[in-house]
N, C-alpha and C. Protein backbone atom coordinates (compact mmCIF):
# COMPACT_ATOMS: atom_id res chain seq x y z
N MET A 1 85.58 67.57 54.27
CA MET A 1 85.24 68.93 54.62
C MET A 1 85.42 69.18 56.12
N GLY A 2 85.18 68.14 56.92
CA GLY A 2 85.31 68.29 58.37
C GLY A 2 86.72 68.64 58.80
N ASN A 3 87.72 68.02 58.15
CA ASN A 3 89.11 68.33 58.50
C ASN A 3 89.49 69.74 58.11
N LEU A 4 88.97 70.20 56.97
CA LEU A 4 89.24 71.57 56.54
C LEU A 4 88.64 72.57 57.52
N LEU A 5 87.43 72.33 57.94
CA LEU A 5 86.78 73.21 58.90
C LEU A 5 87.54 73.20 60.23
N LEU A 6 87.97 72.04 60.65
CA LEU A 6 88.76 71.94 61.87
C LEU A 6 90.04 72.74 61.74
N ALA A 7 90.72 72.60 60.61
CA ALA A 7 91.98 73.32 60.40
C ALA A 7 91.76 74.84 60.44
N VAL A 8 90.70 75.29 59.81
CA VAL A 8 90.40 76.73 59.80
C VAL A 8 90.07 77.19 61.21
N ASN A 9 89.29 76.42 61.94
CA ASN A 9 88.92 76.80 63.31
C ASN A 9 90.12 76.81 64.25
N VAL A 10 91.12 76.02 63.96
CA VAL A 10 92.33 76.01 64.78
C VAL A 10 93.26 77.15 64.36
N LEU A 11 93.38 77.38 63.06
CA LEU A 11 94.33 78.38 62.58
C LEU A 11 93.88 79.82 62.82
N LEU A 12 92.60 80.10 62.74
CA LEU A 12 92.14 81.48 62.93
C LEU A 12 92.55 82.07 64.28
N PRO A 13 92.32 81.38 65.39
CA PRO A 13 92.76 81.96 66.67
C PRO A 13 94.29 82.13 66.74
N LEU A 14 95.03 81.21 66.11
CA LEU A 14 96.49 81.34 66.12
C LEU A 14 96.93 82.56 65.33
N LEU A 15 96.29 82.81 64.21
CA LEU A 15 96.61 84.00 63.42
C LEU A 15 96.24 85.27 64.16
N GLN A 16 95.11 85.25 64.86
CA GLN A 16 94.71 86.41 65.65
C GLN A 16 95.71 86.67 66.76
N GLN A 17 96.20 85.61 67.39
CA GLN A 17 97.18 85.75 68.45
C GLN A 17 98.49 86.32 67.90
N ALA A 18 98.90 85.84 66.73
CA ALA A 18 100.12 86.35 66.11
C ALA A 18 99.98 87.84 65.82
N SER A 19 98.80 88.25 65.37
CA SER A 19 98.55 89.66 65.09
C SER A 19 98.62 90.49 66.38
N THR A 20 98.06 89.95 67.44
CA THR A 20 98.09 90.65 68.73
C THR A 20 99.52 90.81 69.23
N ILE A 21 100.31 89.75 69.11
CA ILE A 21 101.71 89.81 69.54
C ILE A 21 102.47 90.84 68.70
N GLY A 22 102.23 90.81 67.39
CA GLY A 22 102.88 91.78 66.51
C GLY A 22 102.55 93.21 66.90
N ALA A 23 101.30 93.46 67.23
CA ALA A 23 100.88 94.81 67.64
C ALA A 23 101.55 95.21 68.95
N MET A 24 101.68 94.26 69.88
CA MET A 24 102.35 94.56 71.15
C MET A 24 103.81 94.92 70.91
N ILE A 25 104.47 94.18 70.04
CA ILE A 25 105.88 94.44 69.74
C ILE A 25 106.04 95.79 69.05
N GLN A 26 105.17 96.08 68.08
CA GLN A 26 105.24 97.37 67.38
C GLN A 26 105.03 98.53 68.34
N LYS A 27 104.08 98.37 69.26
CA LYS A 27 103.82 99.44 70.24
C LYS A 27 105.04 99.66 71.11
N ALA A 28 105.62 98.57 71.60
CA ALA A 28 106.80 98.70 72.45
C ALA A 28 107.95 99.35 71.69
N GLN A 29 108.16 98.94 70.45
CA GLN A 29 109.22 99.53 69.64
C GLN A 29 108.97 101.02 69.41
N ALA A 30 107.73 101.39 69.13
CA ALA A 30 107.40 102.79 68.91
C ALA A 30 107.66 103.63 70.17
N GLU A 31 107.52 102.97 71.32
CA GLU A 31 107.76 103.65 72.59
C GLU A 31 109.22 103.56 73.01
N GLY A 32 110.05 102.91 72.18
CA GLY A 32 111.48 102.80 72.47
C GLY A 32 111.80 101.89 73.65
N ARG A 33 111.04 100.82 73.79
CA ARG A 33 111.25 99.93 74.93
C ARG A 33 111.08 98.47 74.51
N ASP A 34 111.48 97.59 75.40
CA ASP A 34 111.23 96.16 75.23
C ASP A 34 109.85 95.84 75.79
N LEU A 35 109.37 94.64 75.51
CA LEU A 35 108.12 94.20 76.11
C LEU A 35 108.31 94.09 77.62
N THR A 36 107.27 94.43 78.36
CA THR A 36 107.32 94.32 79.81
C THR A 36 107.14 92.86 80.22
N GLU A 37 107.44 92.59 81.46
CA GLU A 37 107.22 91.24 81.98
C GLU A 37 105.75 90.85 81.90
N ALA A 38 104.86 91.80 82.19
CA ALA A 38 103.43 91.53 82.11
C ALA A 38 103.01 91.21 80.68
N GLU A 39 103.56 91.94 79.71
CA GLU A 39 103.24 91.67 78.31
C GLU A 39 103.75 90.29 77.90
N LEU A 40 104.96 89.96 78.30
CA LEU A 40 105.51 88.64 78.00
C LEU A 40 104.68 87.54 78.64
N ASN A 41 104.27 87.76 79.89
CA ASN A 41 103.43 86.77 80.57
C ASN A 41 102.09 86.57 79.87
N SER A 42 101.52 87.65 79.34
CA SER A 42 100.25 87.51 78.63
C SER A 42 100.44 86.73 77.33
N ILE A 43 101.58 86.89 76.69
CA ILE A 43 101.88 86.12 75.47
C ILE A 43 102.01 84.65 75.81
N VAL A 44 102.73 84.35 76.88
CA VAL A 44 102.92 82.96 77.30
C VAL A 44 101.58 82.32 77.66
N ALA A 45 100.75 83.04 78.39
CA ALA A 45 99.44 82.50 78.77
C ALA A 45 98.57 82.24 77.54
N ALA A 46 98.57 83.16 76.61
CA ALA A 46 97.79 82.97 75.38
C ALA A 46 98.34 81.80 74.58
N ASP A 47 99.66 81.66 74.55
CA ASP A 47 100.28 80.54 73.84
C ASP A 47 99.90 79.22 74.48
N ASP A 48 99.92 79.17 75.80
CA ASP A 48 99.52 77.95 76.50
C ASP A 48 98.06 77.59 76.21
N ALA A 49 97.20 78.60 76.17
CA ALA A 49 95.79 78.36 75.87
C ALA A 49 95.61 77.87 74.43
N ALA A 50 96.34 78.46 73.51
CA ALA A 50 96.26 78.04 72.10
C ALA A 50 96.77 76.61 71.94
N LYS A 51 97.83 76.29 72.66
CA LYS A 51 98.39 74.94 72.60
C LYS A 51 97.39 73.91 73.13
N ALA A 52 96.72 74.25 74.22
CA ALA A 52 95.71 73.35 74.79
C ALA A 52 94.54 73.17 73.83
N ALA A 53 94.10 74.27 73.19
CA ALA A 53 93.00 74.18 72.23
C ALA A 53 93.39 73.33 71.03
N LEU A 54 94.61 73.48 70.57
CA LEU A 54 95.09 72.69 69.44
C LEU A 54 95.15 71.21 69.81
N ALA A 55 95.67 70.90 70.98
CA ALA A 55 95.74 69.51 71.43
C ALA A 55 94.35 68.90 71.55
N ALA A 56 93.39 69.69 72.06
CA ALA A 56 92.02 69.19 72.17
C ALA A 56 91.39 68.96 70.80
N ALA A 57 91.67 69.85 69.86
CA ALA A 57 91.11 69.70 68.51
C ALA A 57 91.70 68.48 67.82
N ILE A 58 92.98 68.25 68.01
CA ILE A 58 93.63 67.07 67.42
C ILE A 58 93.06 65.80 68.03
N ALA A 59 92.91 65.79 69.35
CA ALA A 59 92.36 64.62 70.03
C ALA A 59 90.93 64.35 69.55
N LYS A 60 90.14 65.40 69.39
CA LYS A 60 88.76 65.24 68.93
C LYS A 60 88.74 64.70 67.50
N ALA A 61 89.63 65.21 66.66
CA ALA A 61 89.68 64.74 65.26
C ALA A 61 90.10 63.27 65.18
N ARG A 62 91.01 62.88 66.02
CA ARG A 62 91.46 61.48 66.04
C ARG A 62 90.37 60.55 66.54
N ALA A 63 89.55 61.04 67.45
CA ALA A 63 88.50 60.20 68.03
C ALA A 63 87.29 60.08 67.11
N THR A 64 87.17 61.00 66.15
CA THR A 64 86.03 60.98 65.23
C THR A 64 86.33 60.03 64.08
N PRO A 65 85.45 59.02 63.89
CA PRO A 65 85.71 58.05 62.81
C PRO A 65 85.54 58.65 61.43
């Protein structure tokens, strides 16, 4: 059960981030434009944070007997 809970706790923020990115893209498309540099930078920063959280969760799971 612990691994399932870990997987859900890791996947939920990733799904939320994907939803946020999708909304940003839809908004830009509705406005007839590409994503701005600031929008792209926010996506990259969120991706880096998600990657770090995933790496930490994997490391924690490996360390738990």
